[in-house]
Amino acid sequence: MPTGRSFTKLWPALILAVAVSMLSWSGLIWRVDNIFYDAFISKTGQRADGSIIIVAIDEKSLAELGRWPWPRELHAELLERIRDLDVRGVAIDVLFSDPDRYQPESDRQFAAAIRRHGRVVLPVGVSPSEPGGPPIELMPIPALSAAAAGLGHIGTDVDPDGVVRGAYLYAGLGDAHWPILALAMYQLWSGSDSQVAPLGLRNRDRSTGGLAEWRRDAYVRIPFVASGAGFKQVSYVDVLRGRVQPDLLRGRWLLVGATAAGMGDYLLTPLSFRNAPASGVEYHATLLNMLLQRSAIVPLRGWPQLLLAMALVVLPFLLQVGLSSRWRWWTIPTLAAMLTLALSAGLMWWAQRWFAPAATLIVHLIVLIVLGLLRLRKSQRLAHSDPLTRLANRRLFDIVLQREVTAARRSERPVALLMVDVDFFKSYNDTYGHKAGDQLLREVATLMSAHVRRPRDLAARYGGDELAAILPDTALQQACKIADTIVRSVADQAIPHASSKVATHATVTIGVATLSNAATDSHSSLLDRADAALYEAKQNGRNGYAAATSPGD
């Protein structure tokens, strides 16, 4: 059965477990977690798949083809240009939710080109029906929707700090039924959405929600491509005019979208502090790259996240409790914090799982601070403590006596001083040995501490076999009663002292002095009077006390 001592050791571990749980569930430390995530993701070394080509609607294309929007017959011409190159798929990151009112024939040409190509995926957007109103799906016009080989949503998930770190692989109005644009391309090539199961991205919620609700599911974090390892880009106009070698496009994934300044969305990513913000088409290329390399990062949530965080806090604490005192107080918490960071980074880099480390690290930091303060308090206590008697040492005695005398003079309140001497202590040492002498001093110190116990009282070892007690707000009569009690308590212990000249047992002699409203008195004069009283008590036969009063008494 667990003992009370076992529970005493375990309750701090329980507090740490509760603390890390509250931090994990609170959602208050997401910024800290994202700092670590951004640092780790920049070190993943993710590289762009060479089979992904961005067909960029860039400044060069706008200069040659004119201002946007272009007639849709140009998109039809582009698809005809690449139709025989056996590309794996084409995603056009441009919304075609409204018909071309000026050239209706171009919509039919574009739809026919999409149908002939057979591997074109078009986007589905979402937008509020009116400011503050319910969302609506922005579908391609019916002719284009019917001709497309697949449709995919182009919604982005932006964190509260404005940075895009992940994506919902499925979304839709009322039900998360649309795959994201890159996933729609991937499924078209693989022939089934079951191909993404090994990536751990399934677990979609097919339950029907409100028809006016944009539902999202299957959230993953994106391993963004490292700096200097970006995707290959070709200009839209160069492909259209046949200025790109066919072999560069043959058998590739083509993503068509805007990269020109002022067109489309530009997204901040964890790598944006090194690179420029990513365009929408680059974002979808990154998602496709993630699917091809099966490198999606799945966050740990709920109980897996919580249990791992608790284990990384509680187990190191229990280990530290079991280790010998020669281990430095900061060793285990520091090693545990380093292990937490290493585990979080390792899970991301090699297991594609994201463990948020902030809650665990904050608790370890708190433990370090608390242990540091306790060690500082202990070291201060040891610096002012006599190692033999556990009473205050001479240094602290001098500080407190001067402080209390100054306070007594200012407040016109009394302060008493007891000087305690163990009778014939040298003879005791000679008779019983120094070890026994040390034990006698410890017992006398314990007895004295039992009667000098108010918050401001101080019992101290003055030097050698002399002890002392400072008693603030204590008049002479009260101090004499305490001195008499200490003398009797030591005598009652009947500690054998064969070489004593006053008794067969150990005894003490005490000198008592007080400071009462004496403007000219100081701590040194109080010490002199207490010492003189001690000398008088010895002259009177020891095993008792004598009192010396201040001039004011």
Protein backbone atom coordinates (compact mmCIF):
# COMPACT_ATOMS: atom_id res chain seq x y z
CA MET A 1 0.00 0.00 0.00
CA PRO A 2 1.29 3.53 -0.76
CA THR A 3 2.53 5.32 2.34
CA GLY A 4 1.93 8.95 3.30
CA ARG A 5 5.51 9.69 2.31
CA SER A 6 4.86 8.24 -1.17
CA PHE A 7 1.87 10.54 -1.63
CA THR A 8 3.97 13.48 -0.45
CA LYS A 9 6.37 12.77 -3.32
CA LEU A 10 3.59 12.19 -5.84
CA TRP A 11 1.39 15.22 -5.27
CA PRO A 12 3.81 17.64 -7.01
CA ALA A 13 3.74 15.28 -10.01
CA LEU A 14 -0.07 15.46 -9.97
CA ILE A 15 0.10 19.27 -9.91
CA LEU A 16 2.47 19.24 -12.90
CA ALA A 17 0.11 16.91 -14.80
CA VAL A 18 -2.83 19.24 -14.12
CA ALA A 19 -0.76 22.28 -15.13
CA VAL A 20 0.30 20.82 -18.47
CA SER A 21 -3.29 19.67 -19.10
CA MET A 22 -4.69 23.13 -18.48
CA LEU A 23 -2.09 24.75 -20.72
CA SER A 24 -2.73 22.21 -23.48
CA TRP A 25 -6.51 22.65 -23.41
CA SER A 26 -6.53 26.41 -22.86
CA GLY A 27 -5.45 27.35 -26.38
CA LEU A 28 -3.54 30.33 -24.96
CA ILE A 29 -0.08 29.24 -26.07
CA TRP A 30 -0.67 28.57 -29.76
CA ARG A 31 1.72 31.39 -30.70
CA VAL A 32 4.56 29.71 -28.80
CA ASP A 33 3.80 26.35 -30.43
CA ASN A 34 3.81 28.01 -33.84
CA ILE A 35 7.22 29.56 -33.17
CA PHE A 36 8.66 26.09 -32.71
CA TYR A 37 6.66 24.70 -35.64
CA ASP A 38 7.95 27.41 -37.99
CA ALA A 39 11.52 26.81 -36.82
CA PHE A 40 11.24 23.04 -37.33
CA ILE A 41 9.45 23.22 -40.69
CA SER A 42 12.23 25.38 -42.11
CA LYS A 43 14.67 22.55 -41.37
CA THR A 44 12.73 19.69 -42.92
CA GLY A 45 14.66 19.95 -46.18
CA GLN A 46 11.49 19.41 -48.23
CA ARG A 47 12.24 19.65 -51.95
CA ALA A 48 9.96 20.31 -54.89
CA ASP A 49 9.00 17.33 -57.01
CA GLY A 50 10.45 17.83 -60.50
CA SER A 51 7.23 16.61 -62.10
CA ILE A 52 5.28 19.67 -60.91
CA ILE A 53 5.30 22.65 -63.31
CA ILE A 54 3.63 25.99 -62.63
CA VAL A 55 2.28 27.65 -65.75
CA ALA A 56 2.44 31.21 -64.48
CA ILE A 57 0.11 34.02 -65.46
CA ASP A 58 2.96 36.45 -64.93
CA GLU A 59 3.88 40.00 -65.93
CA LYS A 60 5.36 38.77 -69.20
CA SER A 61 2.09 37.06 -70.16
CA LEU A 62 0.05 40.12 -69.24
CA ALA A 63 2.35 42.31 -71.32
CA GLU A 64 1.88 40.15 -74.44
CA LEU A 65 -1.73 39.01 -74.05
CA GLY A 66 -3.26 42.14 -72.57
CA ARG A 67 -4.97 42.99 -69.31
CA TRP A 68 -6.87 40.42 -67.28
CA PRO A 69 -9.37 38.78 -67.71
CA TRP A 70 -8.44 37.17 -71.00
CA PRO A 71 -10.91 35.67 -73.44
CA ARG A 72 -11.48 32.03 -72.50
CA GLU A 73 -10.60 30.95 -75.97
CA LEU A 74 -6.98 31.58 -74.92
CA HIS A 75 -7.36 28.94 -72.17
CA ALA A 76 -8.89 26.60 -74.74
CA GLU A 77 -5.90 27.23 -77.03
CA LEU A 78 -3.51 26.49 -74.15
CA LEU A 79 -5.21 23.15 -73.45
CA GLU A 80 -5.06 22.23 -77.13
CA ARG A 81 -1.35 23.05 -77.14
CA ILE A 82 -0.64 20.52 -74.33
CA ARG A 83 -3.31 17.94 -75.18
CA ASP A 84 -0.92 15.48 -76.81
CA LEU A 85 1.82 15.74 -74.14
CA ASP A 86 0.26 13.07 -71.90
CA VAL A 87 0.39 15.31 -68.84
CA ARG A 88 -0.74 13.68 -65.60
CA GLY A 89 -3.19 16.43 -64.83
CA VAL A 90 -3.97 20.12 -65.27
CA ALA A 91 -5.34 22.30 -62.47
CA ILE A 92 -6.44 25.82 -63.39
CA ASP A 93 -6.45 28.00 -60.29
CA VAL A 94 -8.85 30.54 -61.80
CA LEU A 95 -12.52 30.85 -60.88
CA PHE A 96 -14.94 30.66 -63.81
CA SER A 97 -18.15 31.23 -61.86
CA ASP A 98 -19.60 33.76 -64.32
CA PRO A 99 -20.14 33.29 -68.07
CA ASP A 100 -18.25 35.41 -70.56
CA ARG A 101 -20.93 37.96 -71.48
CA TYR A 102 -19.00 39.52 -74.34
CA GLN A 103 -17.84 36.31 -76.04
CA PRO A 104 -20.28 33.52 -75.13
CA GLU A 105 -18.75 31.33 -77.82
CA SER A 106 -15.44 31.29 -75.94
CA ASP A 107 -17.11 29.45 -73.03
CA ARG A 108 -18.21 26.69 -75.41
CA GLN A 109 -14.71 26.53 -76.93
CA PHE A 110 -13.16 26.32 -73.50
CA ALA A 111 -15.58 23.60 -72.34
CA ALA A 112 -14.88 21.58 -75.51
CA ALA A 113 -11.12 21.88 -74.95
CA ILE A 114 -11.50 20.75 -71.34
CA ARG A 115 -13.55 17.75 -72.42
CA ARG A 116 -11.09 16.77 -75.16
CA HIS A 117 -8.14 17.01 -72.82
CA GLY A 118 -9.83 14.81 -70.22
CA ARG A 119 -7.55 15.61 -67.24
CA VAL A 120 -8.48 19.16 -66.28
CA VAL A 121 -9.50 20.05 -62.73
CA LEU A 122 -11.32 23.33 -62.02
CA PRO A 123 -11.68 25.18 -58.70
CA VAL A 124 -14.65 25.68 -56.41
CA GLY A 125 -14.54 28.81 -54.27
CA VAL A 126 -16.49 30.08 -51.30
CA SER A 127 -17.67 33.61 -50.68
CA PRO A 128 -20.28 35.32 -48.48
CA SER A 129 -23.52 35.95 -50.33
CA GLU A 130 -23.46 39.48 -48.90
CA PRO A 131 -21.41 41.27 -46.23
CA GLY A 132 -21.97 39.26 -43.07
CA GLY A 133 -24.26 36.86 -44.90
CA PRO A 134 -24.10 33.05 -45.25
CA PRO A 135 -21.44 31.57 -47.56
CA ILE A 136 -22.12 30.38 -51.08
CA GLU A 137 -20.14 28.04 -53.30
CA LEU A 138 -18.62 29.63 -56.38
CA MET A 139 -18.94 26.82 -58.91
CA PRO A 140 -17.63 26.93 -62.47
CA ILE A 141 -20.41 27.68 -64.94
CA PRO A 142 -22.42 24.52 -65.76
CA ALA A 143 -20.77 23.95 -69.14
CA LEU A 144 -17.30 23.98 -67.61
CA SER A 145 -18.34 21.92 -64.56
CA ALA A 146 -19.79 19.24 -66.82
CA ALA A 147 -16.67 19.15 -68.98
CA ALA A 148 -14.09 19.08 -66.16
CA ALA A 149 -12.61 15.77 -65.05
CA GLY A 150 -12.77 16.94 -61.44
CA LEU A 151 -13.56 19.84 -59.14
CA GLY A 152 -11.62 20.91 -56.06
CA HIS A 153 -12.06 23.59 -53.44
CA ILE A 154 -9.45 26.35 -53.12
CA GLY A 155 -10.19 27.44 -49.56
CA THR A 156 -7.19 28.32 -47.37
CA ASP A 157 -6.90 28.00 -43.60
CA VAL A 158 -5.17 31.05 -42.14
CA ASP A 159 -4.02 30.99 -38.52
CA PRO A 160 -4.90 33.98 -36.28
CA ASP A 161 -1.42 35.43 -36.85
CA GLY A 162 -2.08 35.58 -40.60
CA VAL A 163 0.19 32.66 -41.52
CA VAL A 164 -0.94 29.62 -43.51
CA ARG A 165 0.46 26.44 -41.98
CA GLY A 166 -2.07 23.83 -42.99
CA ALA A 167 -5.05 22.92 -45.12
CA TYR A 168 -8.37 21.13 -44.91
CA LEU A 169 -8.26 18.44 -47.55
CA TYR A 170 -12.05 18.37 -47.82
CA ALA A 171 -14.60 21.17 -47.61
CA GLY A 172 -18.01 22.04 -48.92
CA LEU A 173 -21.31 23.74 -48.25
CA GLY A 174 -23.34 21.63 -45.82
CA ASP A 175 -20.91 18.71 -46.14
CA ALA A 176 -17.15 18.45 -46.62
CA HIS A 177 -17.43 16.76 -50.01
CA TRP A 178 -15.03 18.70 -52.26
CA PRO A 179 -11.40 17.62 -52.16
CA ILE A 180 -8.90 20.45 -52.23
CA LEU A 181 -7.70 21.33 -55.74
CA ALA A 182 -4.38 19.47 -55.50
CA LEU A 183 -6.05 16.41 -54.02
CA ALA A 184 -8.63 16.42 -56.83
CA MET A 185 -5.72 16.27 -59.31
CA TYR A 186 -4.05 13.50 -57.33
CA GLN A 187 -7.24 11.44 -57.16
CA LEU A 188 -7.81 11.89 -60.88
CA TRP A 189 -4.39 10.43 -61.62
CA SER A 190 -4.54 7.63 -59.03
CA GLY A 191 -8.09 6.66 -59.93
CA SER A 192 -9.36 6.55 -56.32
CA ASP A 193 -9.30 8.70 -53.22
CA SER A 194 -8.37 5.58 -51.25
CA GLN A 195 -4.78 6.23 -52.33
CA VAL A 196 -4.46 8.94 -49.69
CA ALA A 197 -5.28 6.55 -46.82
CA PRO A 198 -1.64 5.52 -46.22
CA LEU A 199 -0.84 9.19 -45.63
CA GLY A 200 -3.14 9.20 -42.62
CA LEU A 201 -5.32 11.96 -44.09
CA ARG A 202 -8.70 10.27 -44.07
CA ASN A 203 -11.24 10.27 -41.25
CA ARG A 204 -13.59 12.64 -43.02
CA ASP A 205 -16.83 13.69 -41.35
CA ARG A 206 -19.64 12.87 -43.78
CA SER A 207 -22.41 13.96 -41.42
CA THR A 208 -24.75 16.53 -42.93
CA GLY A 209 -24.67 19.99 -41.39
CA GLY A 210 -26.67 23.07 -42.11
CA LEU A 211 -26.91 23.86 -45.80
CA ALA A 212 -25.64 27.37 -45.14
CA GLU A 213 -22.53 26.15 -43.29
CA TRP A 214 -19.14 25.77 -44.94
CA ARG A 215 -17.80 22.55 -43.46
CA ARG A 216 -14.15 21.51 -43.47
CA ASP A 217 -12.44 18.28 -42.55
CA ALA A 218 -9.18 16.31 -42.69
CA TYR A 219 -6.80 19.03 -41.52
CA VAL A 220 -3.10 18.54 -42.15
CA ARG A 221 -0.06 20.74 -41.79
CA ILE A 222 1.95 21.38 -44.91
CA PRO A 223 5.69 20.71 -45.27
CA PHE A 224 6.55 23.80 -47.26
CA VAL A 225 9.33 23.61 -49.80
CA ALA A 226 12.66 24.91 -48.53
CA SER A 227 14.29 28.03 -49.85
CA GLY A 228 16.19 27.43 -53.08
CA ALA A 229 14.21 24.29 -53.87
CA GLY A 230 11.16 25.91 -55.48
CA PHE A 231 8.93 24.64 -58.25
CA LYS A 232 9.77 24.98 -61.91
CA GLN A 233 7.81 27.76 -63.61
CA VAL A 234 7.10 28.53 -67.23
CA SER A 235 5.30 31.56 -68.55
CA TYR A 236 1.69 31.08 -69.69
CA VAL A 237 2.35 32.98 -72.89
CA ASP A 238 5.43 30.88 -73.70
CA VAL A 239 3.38 27.68 -73.49
CA LEU A 240 0.60 29.28 -75.52
CA ARG A 241 3.01 30.39 -78.25
CA GLY A 242 4.88 27.09 -78.34
CA ARG A 243 8.10 28.55 -76.98
CA VAL A 244 8.48 25.82 -74.33
CA GLN A 245 10.11 22.52 -75.27
CA PRO A 246 7.40 19.79 -75.24
CA ASP A 247 9.65 17.43 -73.24
CA LEU A 248 9.68 19.91 -70.37
CA LEU A 249 5.91 19.49 -70.00
CA ARG A 250 5.46 15.91 -71.11
CA GLY A 251 4.18 13.62 -68.36
CA ARG A 252 4.15 16.43 -65.78
CA TRP A 253 1.61 17.94 -63.42
CA LEU A 254 0.64 21.40 -64.66
CA LEU A 255 -0.86 24.02 -62.35
CA VAL A 256 -2.06 27.18 -64.08
CA GLY A 257 -2.41 30.27 -61.93
CA ALA A 258 -1.51 33.90 -61.35
CA THR A 259 1.89 34.94 -60.05
CA ALA A 260 1.85 38.51 -61.34
CA ALA A 261 1.78 41.26 -58.75
CA GLY A 262 -1.74 42.39 -57.89
CA MET A 263 -3.39 39.20 -59.16
CA GLY A 264 -4.72 36.43 -56.95
CA ASP A 265 -3.96 35.72 -53.34
CA TYR A 266 -0.55 35.98 -51.73
CA LEU A 267 -0.16 33.89 -48.58
CA LEU A 268 2.26 34.17 -45.69
CA THR A 269 3.84 30.82 -44.85
CA PRO A 270 6.31 29.71 -42.15
CA LEU A 271 9.07 30.31 -44.72
CA SER A 272 7.94 33.81 -45.70
CA PHE A 273 10.51 35.46 -43.45
CA ARG A 274 13.13 34.05 -45.84
CA ASN A 275 11.17 34.01 -49.09
CA ALA A 276 8.47 36.18 -50.59
CA PRO A 277 4.84 35.28 -49.76
CA ALA A 278 3.51 32.36 -51.77
CA SER A 279 0.97 32.84 -54.53
CA GLY A 280 -2.19 30.76 -54.55
CA VAL A 281 -0.92 28.52 -57.36
CA GLU A 282 2.34 27.92 -55.44
CA TYR A 283 0.27 26.97 -52.40
CA HIS A 284 -1.61 24.33 -54.39
CA ALA A 285 1.64 23.13 -55.94
CA THR A 286 2.99 22.66 -52.41
CA LEU A 287 -0.08 20.62 -51.48
CA LEU A 288 0.38 18.42 -54.56
CA ASN A 289 4.04 18.02 -53.68
CA MET A 290 2.99 16.90 -50.18
CA LEU A 291 0.61 14.30 -51.61
CA LEU A 292 3.14 12.94 -54.06
CA GLN A 293 5.82 12.59 -51.38
CA ARG A 294 3.38 11.39 -48.74
CA SER A 295 4.78 13.93 -46.33
CA ALA A 296 1.64 15.47 -44.86
CA ILE A 297 2.09 16.38 -41.18
CA VAL A 298 -0.81 15.29 -38.99
CA PRO A 299 -1.15 17.17 -35.68
CA LEU A 300 -1.53 15.18 -32.49
CA ARG A 301 -4.73 16.27 -30.82
CA GLY A 302 -6.84 15.31 -27.86
CA TRP A 303 -5.63 12.47 -25.66
CA PRO A 304 -2.49 11.52 -27.65
CA GLN A 305 -1.20 15.11 -27.38
CA LEU A 306 -2.21 15.41 -23.74
CA LEU A 307 -0.84 12.05 -22.57
CA LEU A 308 2.51 12.60 -24.28
CA ALA A 309 2.79 16.09 -22.77
CA MET A 310 1.96 14.74 -19.31
CA ALA A 311 4.47 11.89 -19.65
CA LEU A 312 7.24 14.31 -20.64
CA VAL A 313 6.56 16.32 -17.47
CA VAL A 314 5.70 13.70 -14.85
CA LEU A 315 8.27 11.01 -15.66
CA PRO A 316 11.31 13.34 -15.47
CA PHE A 317 10.01 14.71 -12.17
CA LEU A 318 9.65 11.21 -10.69
CA LEU A 319 13.12 10.37 -11.99
CA GLN A 320 14.53 13.45 -10.32
CA VAL A 321 12.89 12.51 -7.00
CA GLY A 322 14.59 9.11 -7.14
CA LEU A 323 18.07 10.37 -7.97
CA SER A 324 20.72 11.11 -5.41
CA SER A 325 21.31 14.69 -4.29
CA ARG A 326 24.61 14.88 -6.15
CA TRP A 327 22.63 15.51 -9.34
CA ARG A 328 22.27 19.22 -9.90
CA TRP A 329 18.74 20.55 -9.49
CA TRP A 330 18.58 21.88 -13.04
CA THR A 331 19.90 18.75 -14.80
CA ILE A 332 16.70 16.71 -15.16
CA PRO A 333 14.33 19.60 -16.10
CA THR A 334 16.85 20.87 -18.65
CA LEU A 335 17.37 17.43 -20.17
CA ALA A 336 13.60 16.88 -20.19
CA ALA A 337 13.06 20.18 -22.04
CA MET A 338 15.72 19.23 -24.59
CA LEU A 339 14.08 15.80 -24.99
CA THR A 340 10.72 17.49 -25.56
CA LEU A 341 12.13 19.65 -28.36
CA ALA A 342 14.00 16.71 -29.89
CA LEU A 343 10.89 14.52 -29.78
CA SER A 344 8.71 17.22 -31.32
CA ALA A 345 11.20 17.80 -34.14
CA GLY A 346 11.83 14.07 -34.62
CA LEU A 347 8.13 13.27 -34.87
CA MET A 348 7.73 15.97 -37.50
CA TRP A 349 10.76 15.04 -39.55
CA TRP A 350 10.52 11.26 -39.49
CA ALA A 351 6.96 10.33 -38.52
CA GLN A 352 5.00 13.26 -40.03
CA ARG A 353 3.29 13.96 -36.72
CA TRP A 354 3.20 17.34 -34.99
CA PHE A 355 3.48 17.31 -31.20
CA ALA A 356 2.97 20.83 -29.82
CA PRO A 357 5.74 21.24 -27.20
CA ALA A 358 4.92 24.64 -25.66
CA ALA A 359 2.83 23.40 -22.70
CA THR A 360 5.49 20.89 -21.69
CA LEU A 361 8.32 23.41 -22.07
CA ILE A 362 6.49 26.06 -20.05
CA VAL A 363 5.90 23.61 -17.21
CA HIS A 364 9.58 22.59 -17.27
CA LEU A 365 10.51 26.28 -17.16
CA ILE A 366 8.21 26.78 -14.16
CA VAL A 367 9.80 23.77 -12.46
CA LEU A 368 13.26 25.23 -13.10
CA ILE A 369 12.23 28.60 -11.68
CA VAL A 370 10.61 27.06 -8.59
CA LEU A 371 13.56 24.74 -7.95
CA GLY A 372 15.95 27.62 -8.48
CA LEU A 373 14.09 29.78 -5.97
CA LEU A 374 13.99 26.92 -3.47
CA ARG A 375 17.71 26.31 -3.92
CA LEU A 376 18.38 30.02 -3.51
CA ARG A 377 16.30 30.09 -0.35
CA LYS A 378 18.08 27.00 0.93
CA SER A 379 21.50 28.44 0.13
CA GLN A 380 20.58 31.69 1.88
CA ARG A 381 19.36 29.71 4.86
CA LEU A 382 22.58 27.70 4.93
CA ALA A 383 24.62 30.87 4.63
CA HIS A 384 22.92 32.16 7.78
CA SER A 385 22.70 28.83 9.59
CA ASP A 386 25.09 27.10 11.96
CA PRO A 387 25.63 23.58 10.56
CA LEU A 388 26.00 21.95 14.00
CA THR A 389 23.06 23.36 15.94
CA ARG A 390 20.81 24.38 13.00
CA LEU A 391 20.42 27.74 14.70
CA ALA A 392 21.25 31.07 13.09
CA ASN A 393 24.98 31.73 12.81
CA ARG A 394 26.93 34.65 14.24
CA ARG A 395 26.67 36.68 11.02
CA LEU A 396 22.86 36.58 10.98
CA PHE A 397 22.78 37.21 14.74
CA ASP A 398 24.73 40.45 14.34
CA ILE A 399 22.50 41.62 11.46
CA VAL A 400 19.23 40.87 13.29
CA LEU A 401 20.41 42.34 16.62
CA GLN A 402 21.36 45.63 14.99
CA ARG A 403 18.08 45.73 13.07
CA GLU A 404 15.93 44.96 16.15
CA VAL A 405 17.75 47.48 18.35
CA THR A 406 17.24 50.17 15.70
CA ALA A 407 13.55 49.25 15.41
CA ALA A 408 13.16 49.25 19.19
CA ARG A 409 14.64 52.73 19.51
CA ARG A 410 12.40 54.04 16.72
CA SER A 411 9.18 52.43 18.03
CA GLU A 412 10.05 52.80 21.74
CA ARG A 413 9.37 49.10 22.24
CA PRO A 414 11.60 46.80 24.34
CA VAL A 415 13.96 44.15 23.00
CA ALA A 416 15.63 41.48 25.17
CA LEU A 417 18.85 39.53 24.70
CA LEU A 418 19.76 36.19 26.31
CA MET A 419 23.38 34.98 26.38
CA VAL A 420 23.45 31.22 27.12
CA ASP A 421 26.56 29.35 28.22
CA VAL A 422 26.83 25.56 28.68
CA ASP A 423 28.46 25.08 32.08
CA PHE A 424 31.90 23.45 32.09
CA PHE A 425 31.60 22.49 28.41
CA LYS A 426 35.37 22.02 27.97
CA SER A 427 35.38 19.50 30.83
CA TYR A 428 32.42 17.74 29.19
CA ASN A 429 34.38 17.45 25.93
CA ASP A 430 37.43 16.14 27.75
CA THR A 431 35.36 13.55 29.60
CA TYR A 432 32.96 12.34 26.90
CA GLY A 433 34.68 13.36 23.66
CA HIS A 434 33.95 15.99 21.05
CA LYS A 435 31.23 13.94 19.38
CA ALA A 436 29.27 13.83 22.63
CA GLY A 437 29.97 17.55 23.10
CA ASP A 438 28.49 18.29 19.71
CA GLN A 439 25.41 16.25 20.62
CA LEU A 440 25.04 18.17 23.89
CA LEU A 441 25.13 21.50 22.03
CA ARG A 442 22.47 20.23 19.60
CA GLU A 443 20.17 19.19 22.46
CA VAL A 444 20.57 22.50 24.28
CA ALA A 445 19.89 24.33 20.98
CA THR A 446 16.73 22.28 20.45
CA LEU A 447 15.48 23.03 23.97
CA MET A 448 16.20 26.73 23.57
CA SER A 449 14.44 26.84 20.17
CA ALA A 450 11.33 25.37 21.80
CA HIS A 451 10.99 28.53 23.95
CA VAL A 452 12.23 31.07 21.38
CA ARG A 453 9.59 30.52 18.74
CA ARG A 454 7.73 33.71 17.91
CA PRO A 455 8.06 34.87 14.27
CA ARG A 456 10.61 37.61 15.06
CA ASP A 457 12.49 35.72 17.78
CA LEU A 458 15.93 34.48 16.79
CA ALA A 459 17.98 31.72 18.42
CA ALA A 460 21.63 31.67 17.34
CA ARG A 461 25.00 30.11 18.06
CA TYR A 462 27.13 33.00 19.27
CA GLY A 463 30.40 31.09 19.31
CA GLY A 464 31.93 27.91 20.77
CA ASP A 465 29.64 26.74 23.61
CA GLU A 466 27.73 30.04 23.79
CA LEU A 467 24.25 30.44 22.40
CA ALA A 468 22.10 33.56 22.23
CA ALA A 469 18.48 34.58 21.73
CA ILE A 470 17.03 37.89 20.50
CA LEU A 471 13.50 38.55 21.80
CA PRO A 472 11.81 41.62 20.23
CA ASP A 473 8.92 43.27 22.11
CA THR A 474 9.92 41.45 25.29
CA ALA A 475 10.29 43.20 28.64
CA LEU A 476 12.78 42.23 31.30
CA GLN A 477 10.32 40.25 33.42
CA GLN A 478 9.17 38.17 30.43
CA ALA A 479 12.77 37.58 29.32
CA CYS A 480 13.69 36.35 32.80
CA LYS A 481 10.81 33.86 32.74
CA ILE A 482 12.01 32.49 29.39
CA ALA A 483 15.57 32.25 30.73
CA ASP A 484 14.39 30.40 33.82
CA THR A 485 12.36 28.00 31.66
CA ILE A 486 15.38 27.22 29.49
CA VAL A 487 17.58 26.59 32.55
CA ARG A 488 14.99 24.20 34.02
CA SER A 489 14.40 22.41 30.68
CA VAL A 490 18.10 21.63 30.29
CA ALA A 491 18.37 20.44 33.88
CA ASP A 492 15.27 18.25 33.49
CA GLN A 493 16.97 16.33 30.67
CA ALA A 494 19.44 14.97 33.26
CA ILE A 495 22.22 14.60 30.69
CA PRO A 496 25.14 13.08 32.66
CA HIS A 497 28.05 15.46 33.28
CA ALA A 498 30.45 13.82 35.75
CA SER A 499 33.04 16.61 35.54
CA SER A 500 30.57 19.44 36.30
CA LYS A 501 31.20 21.38 39.54
CA VAL A 502 27.56 22.40 40.06
CA ALA A 503 25.55 19.26 39.31
CA THR A 504 25.81 15.65 38.14
CA HIS A 505 24.07 16.59 34.89
CA ALA A 506 24.51 19.21 32.20
CA THR A 507 23.37 22.74 33.07
CA VAL A 508 23.35 26.19 31.46
CA THR A 509 23.83 29.72 32.73
CA ILE A 510 22.07 32.69 31.14
CA GLY A 511 22.66 36.43 31.16
CA VAL A 512 19.60 38.61 30.44
CA ALA A 513 19.57 42.23 29.27
CA THR A 514 16.94 44.50 27.77
CA LEU A 515 16.85 47.75 25.82
CA SER A 516 13.97 49.97 26.82
CA ASN A 517 13.59 53.46 25.36
CA ALA A 518 17.27 54.31 25.84
CA ALA A 519 18.16 56.88 23.25
CA THR A 520 21.87 56.43 23.74
CA ASP A 521 21.88 52.61 23.82
CA SER A 522 23.13 50.54 20.88
CA HIS A 523 23.32 46.88 20.01
CA SER A 524 26.90 46.75 21.27
CA SER A 525 25.94 48.16 24.68
CA LEU A 526 23.11 45.61 24.87
CA LEU A 527 25.62 42.86 24.17
CA ASP A 528 27.94 44.22 26.88
CA ARG A 529 25.17 44.23 29.51
CA ALA A 530 24.02 40.70 28.58
CA ASP A 531 27.61 39.50 28.78
CA ALA A 532 28.05 41.21 32.17
CA ALA A 533 24.86 39.56 33.40
CA LEU A 534 26.15 36.17 32.23
CA TYR A 535 29.39 36.78 34.16
CA GLU A 536 27.35 37.67 37.25
CA ALA A 537 25.27 34.49 36.94
CA LYS A 538 28.46 32.44 36.75
CA GLN A 539 29.79 34.18 39.83
CA ASN A 540 26.52 33.34 41.61
CA GLY A 541 27.11 29.60 41.14
CA ARG A 542 25.93 28.90 37.55
CA ASN A 543 22.86 26.76 36.66
CA GLY A 544 20.70 29.87 36.69
CA TYR A 545 20.34 33.34 35.26
CA ALA A 546 21.07 36.95 36.14
CA ALA A 547 19.58 40.12 34.68
CA ALA A 548 21.08 43.47 33.80
CA THR A 549 18.66 46.28 33.06
CA SER A 550 18.97 49.14 30.63
CA PRO A 551 19.19 52.69 31.97
CA GLY A 552 15.53 53.22 31.17
CA ASP A 553 14.28 50.47 33.47
